[in-house]
Protein backbone atom coordinates (compact mmCIF):
# COMPACT_ATOMS: atom_id res chain seq x y z
CA MET A 1 -10.36 43.45 76.59
CA THR A 2 -10.29 39.86 75.33
CA ASN A 3 -10.87 40.97 71.72
CA LEU A 4 -8.06 43.55 72.01
CA TRP A 5 -5.64 40.91 73.29
CA ASN A 6 -6.67 38.54 70.47
CA LYS A 7 -5.92 41.28 67.92
CA ILE A 8 -2.51 42.01 69.48
CA LYS A 9 -1.63 38.30 69.66
CA TRP A 10 -2.69 37.75 66.05
CA LEU A 11 -0.56 40.67 64.84
CA LEU A 12 2.47 39.42 66.78
CA LEU A 13 2.08 35.86 65.47
CA TYR A 14 1.63 37.12 61.91
CA TYR A 15 4.76 39.29 62.23
CA ALA A 16 6.71 36.31 63.61
CA ALA A 17 5.59 34.17 60.66
CA ILE A 18 6.84 36.80 58.21
CA LYS A 19 10.16 37.04 60.06
CA LYS A 20 10.60 33.26 59.84
CA LYS A 21 10.31 33.43 56.07
CA SER A 22 12.89 36.22 55.70
CA PHE A 23 15.91 33.83 55.69
CA THR A 24 18.21 35.81 58.00
CA LEU A 25 21.48 34.10 57.07
CA ALA A 26 20.81 34.50 53.34
CA ARG A 27 20.05 38.21 53.78
CA MET A 28 23.22 38.72 55.83
CA GLY A 29 25.22 36.68 53.32
CA THR A 30 23.99 38.88 50.47
CA SER A 31 25.01 42.01 52.38
CA ILE A 32 28.47 40.57 53.05
CA ILE A 33 28.93 39.69 49.35
CA LEU A 34 28.04 43.26 48.40
CA LEU A 35 30.53 44.48 51.02
CA SER A 36 33.23 42.22 49.57
CA LEU A 37 32.66 43.73 46.12
CA GLY A 38 33.09 47.15 47.66
CA ILE A 39 36.34 46.02 49.26
CA PHE A 40 37.66 44.85 45.88
CA VAL A 41 36.93 48.28 44.40
CA LYS A 42 37.77 50.58 47.34
CA GLY A 43 39.90 48.28 49.49
CA ASP A 44 42.96 50.52 49.57
CA PHE A 45 40.88 53.47 50.77
CA LEU A 46 39.38 51.34 53.58
CA ILE A 47 42.80 50.07 54.68
CA SER A 48 44.25 53.56 54.76
CA SER A 49 41.22 54.69 56.78
CA ILE A 50 41.51 51.87 59.32
CA PHE A 51 45.30 51.71 59.75
CA PRO A 52 47.24 54.95 60.52
CA GLU A 53 49.91 56.20 58.18
CA GLY A 54 53.29 54.75 59.02
CA SER A 55 51.90 51.55 60.51
CA PRO A 56 53.41 48.18 59.43
CA ILE A 57 50.35 47.45 57.27
CA GLN A 58 50.77 50.74 55.42
CA GLN A 59 54.49 50.18 54.97
CA LEU A 60 54.08 46.58 53.71
CA GLN A 61 51.39 47.29 51.11
CA LEU A 62 51.81 45.02 48.12
CA TYR A 63 50.03 45.84 44.88
CA SER A 64 48.57 43.58 42.24
CA GLY A 65 46.71 45.08 39.29
CA GLY A 66 45.96 48.32 41.10
CA ASN A 67 44.72 46.77 44.38
CA SER A 68 46.77 45.82 47.39
CA ILE A 69 47.09 42.15 48.33
CA TYR A 70 45.41 42.99 51.64
CA SER A 71 42.20 44.28 50.02
CA ILE A 72 42.10 41.30 47.65
CA PHE A 73 42.56 38.88 50.58
CA ILE A 74 39.94 40.56 52.81
CA GLY A 75 37.48 40.82 49.92
CA THR A 76 37.91 37.13 49.09
CA VAL A 77 37.34 36.11 52.73
CA PHE A 78 34.16 38.20 52.95
CA LEU A 79 32.96 36.80 49.60
CA ALA A 80 33.48 33.22 50.82
CA ILE A 81 31.68 33.94 54.11
CA GLY A 82 28.72 35.48 52.27
CA PHE A 83 28.31 32.51 49.93
CA TRP A 84 28.64 30.10 52.87
CA MET A 85 25.85 31.85 54.81
CA ILE A 86 23.55 31.72 51.78
CA TRP A 87 24.35 28.03 51.25
CA VAL A 88 23.53 27.20 54.90
CA ASP A 89 20.13 28.91 54.65
CA VAL A 90 19.35 27.21 51.32
CA MET A 91 20.22 23.77 52.73
CA LYS A 92 18.14 24.46 55.84
CA LEU A 93 15.20 25.62 53.75
CA GLN A 94 15.43 22.62 51.43
CA LYS A 95 15.34 20.26 54.41
CA GLN A 96 12.30 22.05 55.82
CA VAL A 97 10.24 22.06 52.64
CA ARG A 98 10.98 18.43 51.85
CA GLY A 99 9.28 17.74 55.15
CA THR A 100 6.09 19.41 53.84
CA ALA A 101 3.29 17.13 52.61
CA ARG A 102 0.28 18.14 50.50
CA VAL A 103 -3.00 16.24 50.80
CA LEU A 104 -6.21 16.77 48.81
CA ILE A 105 -9.39 14.91 49.77
CA MET A 106 -11.75 14.37 46.85
CA GLY A 107 -15.45 13.54 46.87
CA MET A 108 -17.83 16.26 45.75
CA ILE A 109 -18.71 16.30 42.04
CA GLY A 110 -17.72 19.45 40.16
CA THR A 111 -15.05 20.62 42.61
CA SER A 112 -11.43 21.26 41.71
CA LYS A 113 -9.20 18.19 41.62
CA ARG A 114 -6.05 20.27 41.85
CA PHE A 115 -4.21 21.06 45.06
CA PRO A 116 -4.17 24.87 45.63
CA ASN A 117 -0.40 25.35 45.40
CA ASP A 118 -0.67 29.12 45.61
CA LEU A 119 -1.32 28.73 49.36
CA LEU A 120 2.28 27.62 49.84
CA SER A 121 5.35 29.84 49.90
CA LYS A 122 7.49 29.89 46.74
CA PRO A 123 10.17 27.59 48.21
CA GLU A 124 7.48 25.14 49.39
CA GLN A 125 5.90 25.12 45.94
CA LEU A 126 9.22 24.21 44.33
CA ASP A 127 10.41 21.55 46.73
CA SER A 128 7.54 20.09 48.82
CA ARG A 129 6.51 16.45 48.54
CA GLU A 130 4.32 14.98 45.82
CA ILE A 131 0.60 15.70 46.17
CA ILE A 132 -1.39 12.84 47.71
CA GLU A 133 -5.04 12.53 46.67
CA LEU A 134 -7.36 10.64 49.01
CA GLY A 135 -10.82 9.30 48.21
CA ILE A 136 -12.66 9.18 44.90
CA GLU A 137 -15.13 11.53 43.27
CA GLU A 138 -18.65 10.51 44.10
CA THR A 139 -21.08 9.41 41.43
CA GLN A 140 -24.66 8.24 41.59
CA GLY A 141 -24.85 5.51 44.25
CA SER A 142 -21.10 5.59 44.93
CA ILE A 143 -21.21 5.67 48.74
CA ASP A 144 -20.17 2.01 48.99
CA GLY A 145 -17.33 2.68 46.53
CA GLN A 146 -16.04 5.55 48.65
CA ILE A 147 -16.23 3.37 51.76
CA LYS A 148 -14.26 0.66 49.96
CA MET A 149 -11.60 3.16 48.88
CA TYR A 150 -11.25 4.57 52.40
CA ASN A 151 -10.77 1.13 53.94
CA ALA A 152 -8.27 0.20 51.21
CA GLU A 153 -6.23 3.35 51.92
CA LEU A 154 -6.34 2.50 55.61
CA THR A 155 -5.26 -1.10 55.01
CA VAL A 156 -2.18 -0.20 52.94
CA GLN A 157 -1.28 2.53 55.45
CA ILE A 158 -1.06 5.20 52.76
CA TYR A 159 -0.75 7.87 55.47
CA LYS A 160 2.39 6.41 57.03
CA ARG A 161 3.99 5.30 53.76
CA PHE A 162 3.36 8.29 51.51
CA VAL A 163 2.19 11.26 53.62
CA LEU A 164 3.93 11.11 56.99
CA ASN A 165 7.02 9.14 55.99
CA HIS A 166 10.65 10.30 56.34
CA ASP A 167 10.28 12.87 59.12
CA CYS A 168 7.31 14.77 57.73
CA SER A 169 6.98 17.96 59.80
CA LYS A 170 4.04 19.73 58.14
CA VAL A 171 0.88 18.59 56.33
CA TYR A 172 -1.40 20.84 54.29
CA LEU A 173 -4.79 19.13 54.55
CA GLY A 174 -8.13 20.00 52.95
CA GLY A 175 -10.67 19.13 50.31
CA LEU A 176 -14.38 18.81 49.64
CA ALA A 177 -16.36 15.68 50.41
CA ARG A 178 -19.44 14.65 52.33
CA ILE A 179 -19.14 15.38 56.05
CA PRO A 180 -19.09 11.68 57.07
CA PHE A 181 -16.02 11.05 54.89
CA LEU A 182 -14.27 14.25 56.00
CA VAL A 183 -14.65 13.21 59.64
CA ALA A 184 -13.36 9.72 58.80
CA TYR A 185 -10.33 11.11 56.94
CA GLY A 186 -9.63 13.47 59.82
CA ALA A 187 -9.47 10.44 62.12
CA CYS A 188 -6.61 9.07 60.00
CA PHE A 189 -4.44 12.01 61.14
CA ARG A 190 -5.03 11.59 64.87
CA ALA A 191 -1.94 11.32 67.06
CA VAL A 192 0.44 12.51 64.31
CA SER A 193 3.51 14.51 65.26
CA ALA A 194 3.46 16.58 62.06
CA LYS A 195 1.81 19.97 62.18
CA VAL A 196 -1.50 19.89 60.30
CA ILE A 197 -2.35 23.09 58.43
CA TYR A 198 -5.90 23.26 57.09
CA TYR A 199 -7.04 24.98 53.94
CA ASP A 200 -10.72 25.61 53.19
CA ARG A 201 -12.88 26.58 50.23
CA PHE A 202 -14.58 29.89 51.03
CA HIS A 203 -18.02 30.01 49.45
CA LYS A 204 -18.34 33.79 48.92
CA GLU A 205 -15.12 34.18 46.91
CA GLY A 206 -14.85 30.56 45.74
CA ASP A 207 -11.14 30.53 46.65
CA TRP A 208 -9.06 28.20 48.78
CA LYS A 209 -7.61 29.92 51.84
CA LEU A 210 -5.62 29.16 54.96
CA LEU A 211 -7.32 29.80 58.31
CA LYS A 212 -5.10 32.65 59.44
CA ASP A 213 -7.52 35.52 60.05
CA GLU A 214 -7.64 37.00 63.53
CA CYS A 215 -9.41 34.95 66.18
CA ASN A 216 -13.01 36.07 66.81
CA SER A 217 -13.32 33.86 69.93
CA ILE A 218 -16.25 31.88 68.52
CA SER A 219 -17.36 29.22 70.96
CA LEU A 220 -20.28 26.95 71.76
CA ALA A 221 -23.47 28.50 73.09
CA GLU A 222 -24.62 27.26 76.48
CA TYR A 223 -26.06 23.76 76.54
CA ASP A 224 -27.49 21.32 79.08
CA MET A 225 -26.84 17.60 78.88
CA ASP A 226 -27.89 16.62 82.41
CA THR A 227 -31.07 14.91 81.24
CA LEU A 228 -29.60 13.36 78.10
CA LYS A 229 -29.73 9.55 77.99
CA PRO A 230 -29.14 6.90 75.30
CA ASP A 231 -32.14 5.12 73.79
CA SER A 232 -32.97 1.50 74.56
CA LYS A 233 -30.35 0.32 72.02
CA GLY A 234 -27.56 2.51 73.40
CA ASN A 235 -27.71 5.28 70.77
CA VAL A 236 -27.00 8.86 71.79
CA GLY A 237 -26.53 11.85 69.48
CA LEU A 238 -24.82 15.21 69.11
CA ALA A 239 -25.98 17.83 66.58
CA LEU A 240 -23.67 20.75 65.79
CA GLY A 241 -25.09 23.56 63.65
CA PHE A 242 -22.34 26.02 62.65
CA SER A 243 -22.88 26.46 58.90
CA THR A 244 -26.67 26.27 59.23
CA ALA A 245 -28.93 25.63 62.20
CA ILE A 246 -30.06 22.03 62.73
CA GLN A 247 -33.70 21.43 63.62
CA LYS A 248 -34.77 18.54 65.79
CA SER A 249 -37.39 17.64 63.18
CA GLN A 250 -34.59 16.92 60.66
CA LEU A 251 -33.09 14.16 62.80
CA PRO A 252 -34.04 10.50 62.44
CA GLU A 253 -36.99 9.73 64.68
CA PHE A 254 -35.22 7.04 66.72
CA ILE A 255 -32.52 9.45 67.92
CA ALA A 256 -34.20 12.88 67.96
CA ASP A 257 -35.10 12.78 71.68
CA HIS A 258 -31.67 11.47 72.61
CA THR A 259 -29.55 14.13 70.88
CA LEU A 260 -27.70 17.10 72.36
CA MET A 261 -28.31 20.19 70.19
CA LEU A 262 -25.31 22.57 69.93
CA ALA A 263 -24.95 25.98 68.27
CA PRO A 264 -22.29 28.72 68.12
CA ASN A 265 -22.37 31.80 70.34
CA THR A 266 -22.96 33.87 67.19
CA GLN A 267 -25.00 33.64 64.01
CA THR A 268 -24.50 30.58 61.84
CA GLU A 269 -22.47 31.09 58.66
CA ARG A 270 -20.68 29.00 56.07
CA ASN A 271 -16.94 29.09 56.78
CA LEU A 272 -17.74 30.57 60.19
CA LEU A 273 -14.29 29.72 61.56
CA LYS A 274 -11.49 31.62 59.82
CA ASN A 275 -8.77 31.09 62.42
CA GLN A 276 -7.16 27.67 62.94
CA ASP A 277 -6.56 28.15 66.68
CA ASN A 278 -10.24 28.98 67.13
CA LEU A 279 -11.15 25.89 65.12
CA HIS A 280 -8.96 23.74 67.40
CA GLN A 281 -10.74 25.16 70.46
CA ILE A 282 -14.14 24.17 69.09
CA SER A 283 -13.09 20.63 68.13
CA GLU A 284 -11.42 20.12 71.52
CA ASN A 285 -14.66 21.10 73.22
CA ILE A 286 -16.56 18.68 70.98
CA GLN A 287 -14.11 15.94 71.96
CA LYS A 288 -14.79 16.58 75.65
CA ILE A 289 -18.54 16.38 75.05
CA ILE A 290 -18.14 13.11 73.15
CA ASP A 291 -16.01 11.86 76.05
CA GLN A 292 -18.98 12.53 78.32
CA LEU A 293 -21.49 10.97 75.95
CA SER A 294 -19.36 7.83 75.58
CA SER A 295 -19.19 7.49 79.36
CA LEU A 296 -22.99 7.55 79.77
CA SER A 297 -24.46 4.37 81.17
CA ASP A 298 -25.56 1.94 78.39
CA CYS A 299 -24.06 4.11 75.59
CA LYS A 300 -23.01 1.94 72.64
CA LYS A 301 -22.82 4.42 69.72
CA VAL A 302 -22.44 8.20 69.40
CA HIS A 303 -24.34 9.68 66.43
CA LEU A 304 -23.01 12.92 64.91
CA PHE A 305 -25.11 15.37 62.90
CA LEU A 306 -22.73 18.07 61.69
CA SER A 307 -23.54 21.20 59.72
CA VAL A 308 -19.97 22.52 59.62
CA GLN A 309 -17.29 23.63 57.19
CA SER A 310 -14.98 20.96 55.81
CA THR A 311 -11.99 21.89 57.99
CA LEU A 312 -13.99 21.61 61.21
CA GLY A 313 -15.25 18.20 60.07
CA LEU A 314 -11.64 17.11 59.54
CA ASP A 315 -10.50 18.45 62.90
CA ILE A 316 -13.39 16.84 64.79
CA GLY A 317 -12.39 13.53 63.19
CA LYS A 318 -8.78 14.14 64.23
CA HIS A 319 -9.98 13.96 67.86
CA TYR A 320 -11.49 10.48 67.52
CA GLN A 321 -10.11 8.16 70.21
CA GLU A 322 -10.97 4.51 69.77
CA GLY A 323 -9.82 3.62 73.29
CA ILE A 324 -12.16 6.12 74.94
CA HIS A 325 -14.99 6.81 72.50
CA LYS A 326 -17.74 4.45 71.49
CA ASN A 327 -18.06 4.00 67.72
CA TRP A 328 -19.08 7.18 65.91
CA VAL A 329 -22.00 7.15 63.48
CA ILE A 330 -21.67 10.20 61.20
CA HIS A 331 -24.84 11.13 59.31
CA ASN A 332 -25.14 12.80 55.90
CA TYR A 333 -27.71 15.56 55.34
CA ASN A 334 -29.75 15.50 52.14
CA ALA A 335 -30.79 19.12 51.52
CA SER A 336 -33.29 18.23 48.78
CA GLN A 337 -35.19 15.98 51.21
CA SER A 338 -34.47 18.03 54.36
CA LYS A 339 -33.34 14.97 56.27
CA TYR A 340 -30.36 12.80 57.12
CA ASP A 341 -30.59 9.90 54.70
CA TRP A 342 -27.47 7.76 55.24
CA ALA A 343 -24.56 7.37 57.64
CA ILE A 344 -21.24 5.61 58.12
CA GLU A 345 -19.95 4.02 61.31
CA LEU A 346 -16.37 4.79 62.32
CA SER A 347 -14.31 2.39 64.40
CA LYS A 348 -10.61 1.58 64.83
CA ASP A 349 -10.94 -0.94 61.98
CA GLY A 350 -12.26 1.56 59.42
CA ILE A 351 -15.74 2.56 58.29
CA LEU A 352 -18.87 0.73 57.19
CA ARG A 353 -22.31 1.81 56.12
CA PHE A 354 -24.65 2.20 59.08
CA GLN A 355 -27.81 0.17 58.85
């Protein structure tokens, strides 16, 4: 029953989205313009059909170049109304799209450095804001350089000045970088009023896509954190294996016995979440768990081990709350060594390399 309702809701929402892009006033205006052209050509016939023979209108018909003054006047009025309706829709659309920001997060070597404009509607492509690129492409030993860039972007408030400025209403956000940096960049968009729309790189096809497939109600599998406690230095961890399963043996030894292991209620898969509402549900649940971990007695830092798609990493970061959460330590997984080899620490002041 739940899956059926999800399908119905998805179809209704998708239909509503299409309707919103149909520009009702412009369509009506076009129809009225076509009607006005018909009045210019067949105006006398319409007047004679509407007004009975012998009426004052019929008796006072004035002709100019084969058409009565009445048909010319009515046609001109309809033509003006049609153009006005189109103009109103165009002005409304222009205002909307100028409130659309495009953000590309860079990091991974060999990935596209171009924002996937084909994800936007044609009007948005023509009149959205300039593309903002965040981060730098990683090179050998460039972790410190990426940290420095992130903190510099935070210091100059690039998000407020160039992304969210002048009544920004919508932000397309995505990119490919190491999970620690994606989480950190997601935190920069916490508490924003603009609607954040994620786009993700799907590994099978290699294409960028929006997360607008139907909701499959993916959630967290059951877990037990009643016995979980921080270590002697106040470290507690959370491991989330959505793209691939995370093994306890892969975690750093000091935190392995103090980490909550989480998995989805289905098989792991790259780009497991294909619906943005479903993604929000998962990240909100993760936030609640981190709330609980931060409130544990003697907790000083929350360590995150995330095997997730880039958009989920961003959205988890978007739920960072410096007033409630202890500092996050986000670890990077090195597949060639089958271990987490470095991490960054996130606080309200920015990020630094965790030692």
